[in-house]
Protein backbone atom coordinates (compact mmCIF):
# COMPACT_ATOMS: atom_id res chain seq x y z
CA MET A 1 0.00 0.00 0.00
CA SER A 2 1.58 3.28 -1.08
CA ARG A 3 0.97 6.64 0.54
CA ARG A 4 1.41 9.98 -1.13
CA GLN A 5 1.61 13.31 0.68
CA ILE A 6 -0.13 16.33 -0.81
CA SER A 7 0.23 19.60 1.03
CA PRO A 8 -1.54 22.48 -0.69
CA SER A 9 -1.80 25.73 1.26
CA PRO A 10 -4.27 28.04 -0.51
CA PRO A 11 -4.96 31.55 0.86
CA PHE A 12 -8.19 32.16 2.74
CA CYS A 13 -11.13 33.79 1.04
CA PRO A 14 -14.80 33.62 2.11
CA SER A 15 -15.75 31.43 -0.85
CA LEU A 16 -13.01 28.92 0.00
CA LEU A 17 -14.41 26.46 2.50
CA PHE A 18 -11.40 24.31 3.27
CA ILE A 19 -7.82 24.94 4.26
CA PHE A 20 -5.37 22.07 4.48
CA SER A 21 -2.51 22.22 6.92
CA ARG A 22 0.84 20.99 5.65
CA SER A 23 1.01 17.19 5.39
CA SER A 24 -2.66 16.85 6.36
CA PHE A 25 -3.91 15.40 3.08
CA GLN A 26 -2.76 11.87 2.34
CA ARG A 27 -3.81 9.78 -0.61
CA THR A 28 -3.81 6.02 -0.21
CA ARG A 29 -4.41 3.47 -2.91
CA LYS A 30 -6.43 0.72 -1.24
CA PHE A 31 -8.24 -2.34 -2.53
CA ILE A 32 -11.56 -1.29 -4.00
CA LYS A 33 -14.10 -3.77 -5.25
CA LEU A 34 -13.93 -2.44 -8.82
CA GLN A 35 -10.13 -2.86 -8.86
CA MET A 36 -9.94 0.01 -11.33
CA GLU A 37 -7.00 2.36 -11.50
CA GLY A 38 -7.79 6.01 -10.96
CA LEU A 39 -9.73 5.41 -7.74
CA SER A 40 -8.07 6.32 -4.46
CA ILE A 41 -9.01 6.87 -0.85
CA ALA A 42 -7.68 9.99 0.85
CA ASP A 43 -7.51 10.87 4.54
CA ALA A 44 -7.89 14.63 4.96
CA ASN A 45 -7.76 17.01 7.91
CA LEU A 46 -10.00 19.91 6.91
CA VAL A 47 -10.93 23.27 8.34
CA MET A 48 -14.38 24.40 7.26
CA TYR A 49 -15.42 28.04 7.55
CA LEU A 50 -19.12 28.60 8.22
CA HIS A 51 -21.21 31.72 8.46
CA PRO A 52 -22.99 32.23 11.83
CA SER A 53 -26.36 31.96 10.07
CA LYS A 54 -25.56 28.27 9.57
CA SER A 55 -24.71 27.68 13.24
CA ARG A 56 -28.18 26.44 14.12
CA ASN A 57 -27.57 23.08 12.44
CA VAL A 58 -23.82 22.75 11.93
CA SER A 59 -23.74 19.08 10.91
CA GLN A 60 -26.32 19.67 8.19
CA SER A 61 -24.33 22.67 6.94
CA ILE A 62 -21.14 20.62 6.78
CA LEU A 63 -22.85 17.82 4.85
CA ARG A 64 -24.44 20.33 2.47
CA GLU A 65 -21.09 21.98 1.71
CA LEU A 66 -19.35 18.63 1.17
CA GLY A 67 -22.29 17.46 -0.94
CA SER A 68 -21.84 20.46 -3.23
CA LEU A 69 -18.34 19.14 -4.08
CA LEU A 70 -19.56 15.72 -5.23
CA PHE A 71 -18.98 14.76 -8.89
CA LYS A 72 -17.05 17.96 -9.65
CA PHE A 73 -13.34 18.25 -10.36
CA ASN A 74 -11.47 19.86 -7.46
CA GLU A 75 -7.87 21.04 -7.93
CA THR A 76 -7.09 20.69 -4.22
CA PHE A 77 -8.05 17.01 -4.28
CA ASP A 78 -6.58 16.58 -7.79
CA GLY A 79 -9.64 14.63 -8.86
CA VAL A 80 -13.39 14.20 -8.64
CA LEU A 81 -14.93 13.61 -5.21
CA LEU A 82 -17.18 10.52 -5.38
CA ALA A 83 -17.95 9.88 -1.70
CA TYR A 84 -16.98 11.10 1.76
CA ASP A 85 -17.18 10.11 5.41
CA VAL A 86 -16.65 13.01 7.80
CA ASN A 87 -16.04 13.33 11.57
CA ILE A 88 -16.12 16.65 13.42
CA LEU A 89 -13.01 16.93 15.61
CA ASP A 90 -13.92 20.13 17.48
CA LYS A 91 -16.94 20.31 19.72
CA GLN A 92 -16.54 24.10 19.89
CA ALA A 93 -15.95 26.32 16.88
CA LYS A 94 -13.35 29.07 16.85
CA ILE A 95 -14.24 32.57 15.69
CA LEU A 96 -11.68 33.88 13.21
CA PHE A 97 -10.12 37.23 14.00
CA GLY A 98 -10.07 39.59 11.06
CA VAL A 99 -12.39 37.39 9.04
CA HIS A 100 -15.62 38.23 10.82
CA PRO A 101 -18.22 36.75 11.03
CA TYR A 102 -16.98 33.29 9.97
CA PHE A 103 -16.07 30.56 12.43
CA GLY A 104 -13.82 27.57 11.76
CA LEU A 105 -14.40 23.88 12.46
CA ARG A 106 -11.76 21.16 12.24
CA LEU A 107 -12.90 18.00 10.42
CA LYS A 108 -11.40 14.61 9.62
CA ALA A 109 -12.67 13.11 6.38
CA ASN A 110 -12.15 9.97 4.32
CA LEU A 111 -12.62 10.80 0.65
CA LEU A 112 -13.10 8.53 -2.36
CA LEU A 113 -11.49 10.27 -5.33
CA PHE A 114 -11.45 9.55 -9.06
CA SER A 115 -8.39 10.96 -10.81
CA PRO A 116 -7.35 9.11 -13.96
CA LYS A 117 -3.85 9.73 -15.29
CA PRO A 118 -2.19 8.68 -18.58
CA ASP A 119 -1.37 4.96 -18.88
CA MET A 120 -4.03 3.90 -16.35
CA LEU A 121 -6.54 1.15 -17.10
CA LEU A 122 -10.19 2.16 -16.72
CA GLU A 123 -13.37 0.24 -17.35
CA GLY A 124 -16.63 1.56 -18.65
CA LYS A 125 -19.87 0.77 -20.42
CA VAL A 126 -20.18 1.35 -24.18
CA VAL A 127 -23.06 3.74 -24.93
CA LYS A 128 -22.47 4.57 -28.60
CA LEU A 129 -20.53 3.11 -31.53
CA SER A 130 -19.55 4.57 -34.86
CA GLN A 131 -16.99 3.64 -37.48
CA GLU A 132 -14.61 6.32 -36.12
CA SER A 133 -15.10 5.95 -32.36
CA ILE A 134 -16.38 4.10 -29.30
CA HIS A 135 -18.14 6.22 -26.64
CA VAL A 136 -17.88 4.96 -23.05
CA ILE A 137 -19.33 6.01 -19.67
CA VAL A 138 -16.98 5.43 -16.71
CA LEU A 139 -18.47 5.01 -13.21
CA GLY A 140 -21.81 6.30 -14.47
CA PHE A 141 -20.81 9.96 -14.70
CA SER A 142 -17.65 10.45 -16.76
CA SER A 143 -17.52 10.02 -20.52
CA ALA A 144 -14.60 8.88 -22.66
CA ILE A 145 -14.09 8.48 -26.38
CA ILE A 146 -11.84 5.89 -28.01
CA THR A 147 -10.97 7.04 -31.52
CA ALA A 148 -10.36 4.80 -34.55
CA GLU A 149 -6.55 5.08 -34.38
CA ASN A 150 -6.61 3.85 -30.75
CA ILE A 151 -8.82 0.81 -31.42
CA ARG A 152 -6.77 -2.38 -31.80
CA GLY A 153 -6.23 -3.53 -35.37
CA GLU A 154 -7.86 -6.91 -34.75
CA PHE A 155 -11.28 -5.22 -34.41
CA LYS A 156 -13.29 -4.43 -37.51
CA TYR A 157 -16.42 -2.28 -37.62
CA ARG A 158 -19.55 -4.12 -38.80
CA THR A 159 -23.29 -3.65 -38.94
CA LYS A 160 -25.20 -6.84 -38.15
CA ASP A 161 -29.02 -6.85 -38.05
CA LYS A 162 -29.00 -3.01 -37.88
CA GLU A 163 -26.73 -3.23 -34.82
CA GLU A 164 -23.31 -1.54 -34.91
CA LEU A 165 -20.42 -3.48 -33.42
CA PHE A 166 -16.67 -4.03 -33.50
CA ALA A 167 -15.85 -7.71 -34.06
CA SER A 168 -12.50 -9.38 -33.54
CA LYS A 169 -10.89 -11.01 -36.57
CA SER A 170 -9.20 -13.69 -34.44
CA HIS A 171 -12.02 -14.54 -31.96
CA LYS A 172 -15.55 -14.75 -33.39
CA ARG A 173 -17.30 -14.30 -30.04
CA HIS A 174 -15.21 -11.31 -29.04
CA VAL A 175 -17.40 -8.32 -29.97
CA ILE A 176 -17.85 -4.78 -28.69
CA LYS A 177 -21.39 -3.44 -28.92
CA VAL A 178 -23.62 -1.02 -27.01
CA GLY A 179 -23.94 -2.21 -23.40
CA THR A 180 -20.59 -4.05 -23.33
CA MET A 181 -18.20 -3.38 -20.43
CA ILE A 182 -14.67 -2.71 -21.73
CA ARG A 183 -11.26 -1.90 -20.27
CA PHE A 184 -9.19 0.76 -21.96
CA LEU A 185 -5.94 2.65 -21.47
CA VAL A 186 -6.01 6.41 -20.78
CA LYS A 187 -3.98 8.38 -23.34
CA ARG A 188 -4.41 11.96 -22.11
């Protein structure tokens, strides 16, 4: 199991909800049921800044703010946040001097991140085929296109019973059609 340290230190602004202390964000590649590259679990120590109007129900405010980050690329996490599990470390919030009226809460979160890099193997479901490309959906939210020059030479495009497919020249039963799950290599 490999661990990687990421230590961003962005400046504070009211729209920025999290600040990471140095060496507080660790990414760990653990066994995940899909066994797909590009998925990682990160342990993060976060500081969330909330407005006093949200102090009535702090836990709901925290979950709402974290929920707004789901399925969006985040540069701080260097990927797309897919899921989170959060624990509030402080029972009392600290009012920030000079940044009135916000108060800060320390959180500990486990994050499931999706960040594919070149030369990683991903798997997805084929949603569209054409002679020039194969269109794939990865994890139900991210799309990818495999162009004709990246499709292996053993596959030939055919139309059979008004159904488009790529059939292998060497293995008759090896076909790629809409609904097929395929593994592919990320180029860029």
